[in-house]
Amino acid sequence: MLHEHAGLLSRIAASYEADPSLRDDLLQDVALALWKALPAWRGDASLKTFVARVAHNRGASHVIGRTRHPRAQALDEGLADPTRGPESHAQLEQKRLRLLDAVRALPLNLRQTVTLALEGFSQQDIAEALGISANNVAVRLNRARKALKTALGEPA
């Protein structure tokens, strides 16, 4: 299960934690929480939705439990695309980091919703993962889009 959803878990953890070593700690916490929660999974939602819900719950606990400190983030060497030049890659990486910083700056409820939407979850899947209504998901996504556009300097 961890291997199958490694990318999803990594991206969710990255939306909560910028520091790579603390992100690794968060991923370990998520893995332990999944191991403990798996016996309670009834199959009402997909396994992916269940995994995302547990990961978001642990991420929320992580954020609530830590005070915010500005942190430097090292560039991830594994993201290089050999078909792009260094300048193009640097611009793309800069945009990705700006978006990730903007997502991290969102209030927790909007951050959870937009992270799942960016992962391709449907509004119904997001609702199930977060334990809210699909209408509430739509409202949160609308608010998150406006906040992200403002944070990224784009016209609303």
C-alpha atoms as a PDB file:
ATOM      1  CA  MET A   1       0.000   0.000   0.000  1.00  0.00           C
ATOM      2  CA  LEU A   2       2.804   2.433   0.843  1.00  0.00           C
ATOM      3  CA  HIS A   3       4.636   1.613  -2.364  1.00  0.00           C
ATOM      4  CA  GLU A   4       1.482   1.912  -4.467  1.00  0.00           C
ATOM      5  CA  HIS A   5       0.617   5.345  -3.052  1.00  0.00           C
ATOM      6  CA  ALA A   6       4.160   6.647  -2.441  1.00  0.00           C
ATOM      7  CA  GLY A   7       3.825   9.571  -4.859  1.00  0.00           C
ATOM      8  CA  LEU A   8       0.501  10.676  -3.412  1.00  0.00           C
ATOM      9  CA  LEU A   9       1.825  10.452   0.156  1.00  0.00           C
ATOM     10  CA  SER A  10       5.001  12.314  -0.755  1.00  0.00           C
ATOM     11  CA  ARG A  11       3.094  15.167  -2.384  1.00  0.00           C
ATOM     12  CA  ILE A  12       0.646  15.430   0.507  1.00  0.00           C
ATOM     13  CA  ALA A  13       3.552  15.532   2.980  1.00  0.00           C
ATOM     14  CA  ALA A  14       5.264  18.197   0.859  1.00  0.00           C
ATOM     15  CA  SER A  15       2.127  20.336   1.064  1.00  0.00           C
ATOM     16  CA  TYR A  16       2.471  20.331   4.866  1.00  0.00           C
ATOM     17  CA  GLU A  17       6.240  20.430   5.363  1.00  0.00           C
ATOM     18  CA  ALA A  18       8.999  22.225   3.423  1.00  0.00           C
ATOM     19  CA  ASP A  19      11.981  20.856   5.348  1.00  0.00           C
ATOM     20  CA  PRO A  20      13.065  17.547   3.746  1.00  0.00           C
ATOM     21  CA  SER A  21      14.086  15.888   7.021  1.00  0.00           C
ATOM     22  CA  LEU A  22      10.870  16.933   8.777  1.00  0.00           C
ATOM     23  CA  ARG A  23       8.920  15.801   5.703  1.00  0.00           C
ATOM     24  CA  ASP A  24      10.566  12.381   6.040  1.00  0.00           C
ATOM     25  CA  ASP A  25       9.500  12.318   9.703  1.00  0.00           C
ATOM     26  CA  LEU A  26       5.961  13.228   8.654  1.00  0.00           C
ATOM     27  CA  LEU A  27       5.954  10.413   6.077  1.00  0.00           C
ATOM     28  CA  GLN A  28       7.019   7.960   8.779  1.00  0.00           C
ATOM     29  CA  ASP A  29       4.195   9.229  10.996  1.00  0.00           C
ATOM     30  CA  VAL A  30       1.770   8.758   8.097  1.00  0.00           C
ATOM     31  CA  ALA A  31       3.029   5.215   7.474  1.00  0.00           C
ATOM     32  CA  LEU A  32       2.567   4.326  11.140  1.00  0.00           C
ATOM     33  CA  ALA A  33      -0.897   5.929  11.203  1.00  0.00           C
ATOM     34  CA  LEU A  34      -1.880   3.952   8.089  1.00  0.00           C
ATOM     35  CA  TRP A  35      -0.666   0.714   9.651  1.00  0.00           C
ATOM     36  CA  LYS A  36      -2.729   1.428  12.777  1.00  0.00           C
ATOM     37  CA  ALA A  37      -5.814   2.602  10.856  1.00  0.00           C
ATOM     38  CA  LEU A  38      -5.920  -0.102   8.176  1.00  0.00           C
ATOM     39  CA  PRO A  39      -7.887  -2.611  10.302  1.00  0.00           C
ATOM     40  CA  ALA A  40     -10.638   0.035  10.654  1.00  0.00           C
ATOM     41  CA  TRP A  41     -10.977   0.507   6.878  1.00  0.00           C
ATOM     42  CA  ARG A  42     -14.388  -0.825   5.895  1.00  0.00           C
ATOM     43  CA  GLY A  43     -14.085  -0.350   2.154  1.00  0.00           C
ATOM     44  CA  ASP A  44     -16.783   2.362   2.074  1.00  0.00           C
ATOM     45  CA  ALA A  45     -14.382   4.550   0.076  1.00  0.00           C
ATOM     46  CA  SER A  46     -11.512   3.571  -2.194  1.00  0.00           C
ATOM     47  CA  LEU A  47      -8.175   2.651  -0.625  1.00  0.00           C
ATOM     48  CA  LYS A  48      -6.649   5.746  -2.264  1.00  0.00           C
ATOM     49  CA  THR A  49      -9.242   7.958  -0.577  1.00  0.00           C
ATOM     50  CA  PHE A  50      -8.625   6.231   2.763  1.00  0.00           C
ATOM     51  CA  VAL A  51      -4.841   6.688   2.404  1.00  0.00           C
ATOM     52  CA  ALA A  52      -5.287  10.369   1.523  1.00  0.00           C
ATOM     53  CA  ARG A  53      -7.576  10.963   4.484  1.00  0.00           C
ATOM     54  CA  VAL A  54      -5.132   9.423   6.942  1.00  0.00           C
ATOM     55  CA  ALA A  55      -2.235  11.360   5.381  1.00  0.00           C
ATOM     56  CA  HIS A  56      -4.129  14.635   5.590  1.00  0.00           C
ATOM     57  CA  ASN A  57      -5.110  13.997   9.192  1.00  0.00           C
ATOM     58  CA  ARG A  58      -1.476  13.373  10.119  1.00  0.00           C
ATOM     59  CA  GLY A  59      -0.398  16.429   8.113  1.00  0.00           C
ATOM     60  CA  ALA A  60      -2.938  18.580   9.927  1.00  0.00           C
ATOM     61  CA  SER A  61      -1.709  17.282  13.285  1.00  0.00           C
ATOM     62  CA  HIS A  62       1.847  18.003  12.179  1.00  0.00           C
ATOM     63  CA  VAL A  63       1.018  21.613  11.301  1.00  0.00           C
ATOM     64  CA  ILE A  64      -0.995  22.197  14.457  1.00  0.00           C
ATOM     65  CA  GLY A  65       1.776  20.735  16.587  1.00  0.00           C
ATOM     66  CA  ARG A  66       4.565  22.854  15.144  1.00  0.00           C
ATOM     67  CA  THR A  67       5.144  26.571  15.244  1.00  0.00           C
ATOM     68  CA  ARG A  68       5.868  28.097  11.867  1.00  0.00           C
ATOM     69  CA  HIS A  69       9.506  28.993  11.241  1.00  0.00           C
ATOM     70  CA  PRO A  70      10.914  30.163   7.923  1.00  0.00           C
ATOM     71  CA  ARG A  71      12.897  27.289   6.452  1.00  0.00           C
ATOM     72  CA  ALA A  72      15.238  26.993   3.533  1.00  0.00           C
ATOM     73  CA  GLN A  73      14.455  24.226   1.090  1.00  0.00           C
ATOM     74  CA  ALA A  74      17.152  22.511  -0.929  1.00  0.00           C
ATOM     75  CA  LEU A  75      16.563  21.881  -4.619  1.00  0.00           C
ATOM     76  CA  ASP A  76      15.519  18.330  -5.383  1.00  0.00           C
ATOM     77  CA  GLU A  77      18.144  16.896  -7.739  1.00  0.00           C
ATOM     78  CA  GLY A  78      15.791  14.118  -8.852  1.00  0.00           C
ATOM     79  CA  LEU A  79      13.451  16.521 -10.617  1.00  0.00           C
ATOM     80  CA  ALA A  80      15.783  17.303 -13.512  1.00  0.00           C
ATOM     81  CA  ASP A  81      14.336  16.715 -16.982  1.00  0.00           C
ATOM     82  CA  PRO A  82      17.113  15.896 -19.495  1.00  0.00           C
ATOM     83  CA  THR A  83      15.008  17.204 -22.409  1.00  0.00           C
ATOM     84  CA  ARG A  84      14.899  20.726 -20.982  1.00  0.00           C
ATOM     85  CA  GLY A  85      17.724  23.184 -20.692  1.00  0.00           C
ATOM     86  CA  PRO A  86      18.913  24.368 -17.285  1.00  0.00           C
ATOM     87  CA  GLU A  87      17.164  27.749 -17.613  1.00  0.00           C
ATOM     88  CA  SER A  88      13.831  26.174 -18.530  1.00  0.00           C
ATOM     89  CA  HIS A  89      14.148  23.683 -15.710  1.00  0.00           C
ATOM     90  CA  ALA A  90      15.008  26.456 -13.234  1.00  0.00           C
ATOM     91  CA  GLN A  91      11.956  28.498 -14.285  1.00  0.00           C
ATOM     92  CA  LEU A  92       9.666  25.482 -14.002  1.00  0.00           C
ATOM     93  CA  GLU A  93      11.123  24.589 -10.615  1.00  0.00           C
ATOM     94  CA  GLN A  94      10.671  28.175  -9.427  1.00  0.00           C
ATOM     95  CA  LYS A  95       6.989  28.111 -10.449  1.00  0.00           C
ATOM     96  CA  ARG A  96       6.490  24.761  -8.730  1.00  0.00           C
ATOM     97  CA  LEU A  97       8.070  26.040  -5.518  1.00  0.00           C
ATOM     98  CA  ARG A  98       6.003  29.256  -5.593  1.00  0.00           C
ATOM     99  CA  LEU A  99       2.826  27.190  -5.971  1.00  0.00           C
ATOM    100  CA  LEU A 100       3.863  24.832  -3.172  1.00  0.00           C
ATOM    101  CA  ASP A 101       4.667  27.788  -0.885  1.00  0.00           C
ATOM    102  CA  ALA A 102       1.294  29.362  -1.734  1.00  0.00           C
ATOM    103  CA  VAL A 103      -0.492  26.071  -0.965  1.00  0.00           C
ATOM    104  CA  ARG A 104       1.368  25.793   2.363  1.00  0.00           C
ATOM    105  CA  ALA A 105       0.267  29.333   3.257  1.00  0.00           C
ATOM    106  CA  LEU A 106      -3.429  28.475   2.821  1.00  0.00           C
ATOM    107  CA  PRO A 107      -5.562  27.843   5.910  1.00  0.00           C
ATOM    108  CA  LEU A 108      -5.528  24.162   6.783  1.00  0.00           C
ATOM    109  CA  ASN A 109      -9.043  23.378   5.514  1.00  0.00           C
ATOM    110  CA  LEU A 110      -8.332  24.961   2.107  1.00  0.00           C
ATOM    111  CA  ARG A 111      -4.883  23.357   1.909  1.00  0.00           C
ATOM    112  CA  GLN A 112      -6.318  19.879   2.424  1.00  0.00           C
ATOM    113  CA  THR A 113      -8.987  20.398  -0.214  1.00  0.00           C
ATOM    114  CA  VAL A 114      -6.738  21.886  -2.890  1.00  0.00           C
ATOM    115  CA  THR A 115      -4.013  19.273  -2.343  1.00  0.00           C
ATOM    116  CA  LEU A 116      -6.473  16.471  -3.039  1.00  0.00           C
ATOM    117  CA  ALA A 117      -7.852  18.339  -6.055  1.00  0.00           C
ATOM    118  CA  LEU A 118      -4.326  18.719  -7.444  1.00  0.00           C
ATOM    119  CA  GLU A 119      -3.947  14.958  -7.010  1.00  0.00           C
ATOM    120  CA  GLY A 120      -6.921  14.443  -9.321  1.00  0.00           C
ATOM    121  CA  PHE A 121      -9.491  13.441  -6.713  1.00  0.00           C
ATOM    122  CA  SER A 122     -13.122  14.131  -7.640  1.00  0.00           C
ATOM    123  CA  GLN A 123     -15.169  16.439  -5.432  1.00  0.00           C
ATOM    124  CA  GLN A 124     -17.012  13.407  -4.056  1.00  0.00           C
ATOM    125  CA  ASP A 125     -13.729  11.623  -3.251  1.00  0.00           C
ATOM    126  CA  ILE A 126     -12.437  14.774  -1.538  1.00  0.00           C
ATOM    127  CA  ALA A 127     -15.661  14.989   0.464  1.00  0.00           C
ATOM    128  CA  GLU A 128     -15.266  11.378   1.599  1.00  0.00           C
ATOM    129  CA  ALA A 129     -11.589  11.830   2.448  1.00  0.00           C
ATOM    130  CA  LEU A 130     -12.218  14.954   4.524  1.00  0.00           C
ATOM    131  CA  GLY A 131     -15.585  13.973   5.980  1.00  0.00           C
ATOM    132  CA  ILE A 132     -17.422  17.006   4.535  1.00  0.00           C
ATOM    133  CA  SER A 133     -20.140  17.512   1.909  1.00  0.00           C
ATOM    134  CA  ALA A 134     -19.402  17.804  -1.805  1.00  0.00           C
ATOM    135  CA  ASN A 135     -20.912  21.308  -1.724  1.00  0.00           C
ATOM    136  CA  ASN A 136     -18.464  22.280   1.011  1.00  0.00           C
ATOM    137  CA  VAL A 137     -15.644  20.938  -1.169  1.00  0.00           C
ATOM    138  CA  ALA A 138     -16.785  23.180  -4.046  1.00  0.00           C
ATOM    139  CA  VAL A 139     -16.852  26.224  -1.758  1.00  0.00           C
ATOM    140  CA  ARG A 140     -13.404  25.442  -0.355  1.00  0.00           C
ATOM    141  CA  LEU A 141     -11.951  24.908  -3.839  1.00  0.00           C
ATOM    142  CA  ASN A 142     -13.346  28.236  -5.007  1.00  0.00           C
ATOM    143  CA  ARG A 143     -11.869  30.029  -1.989  1.00  0.00           C
ATOM    144  CA  ALA A 144      -8.539  28.240  -2.420  1.00  0.00           C
ATOM    145  CA  ARG A 145      -8.330  29.170  -6.118  1.00  0.00           C
ATOM    146  CA  LYS A 146      -8.942  32.839  -5.300  1.00  0.00           C
ATOM    147  CA  ALA A 147      -6.356  32.788  -2.507  1.00  0.00           C
ATOM    148  CA  LEU A 148      -3.776  31.048  -4.713  1.00  0.00           C
ATOM    149  CA  LYS A 149      -4.318  33.513  -7.566  1.00  0.00           C
ATOM    150  CA  THR A 150      -3.837  36.383  -5.150  1.00  0.00           C
ATOM    151  CA  ALA A 151      -0.725  34.813  -3.609  1.00  0.00           C
ATOM    152  CA  LEU A 152       0.762  34.142  -7.045  1.00  0.00           C
ATOM    153  CA  GLY A 153      -0.025  37.656  -8.283  1.00  0.00           C
ATOM    154  CA  GLU A 154      -2.526  36.556 -10.919  1.00  0.00           C
ATOM    155  CA  PRO A 155      -5.745  38.418 -11.677  1.00  0.00           C
ATOM    156  CA  ALA A 156      -8.764  36.954  -9.893  1.00  0.00           C
END
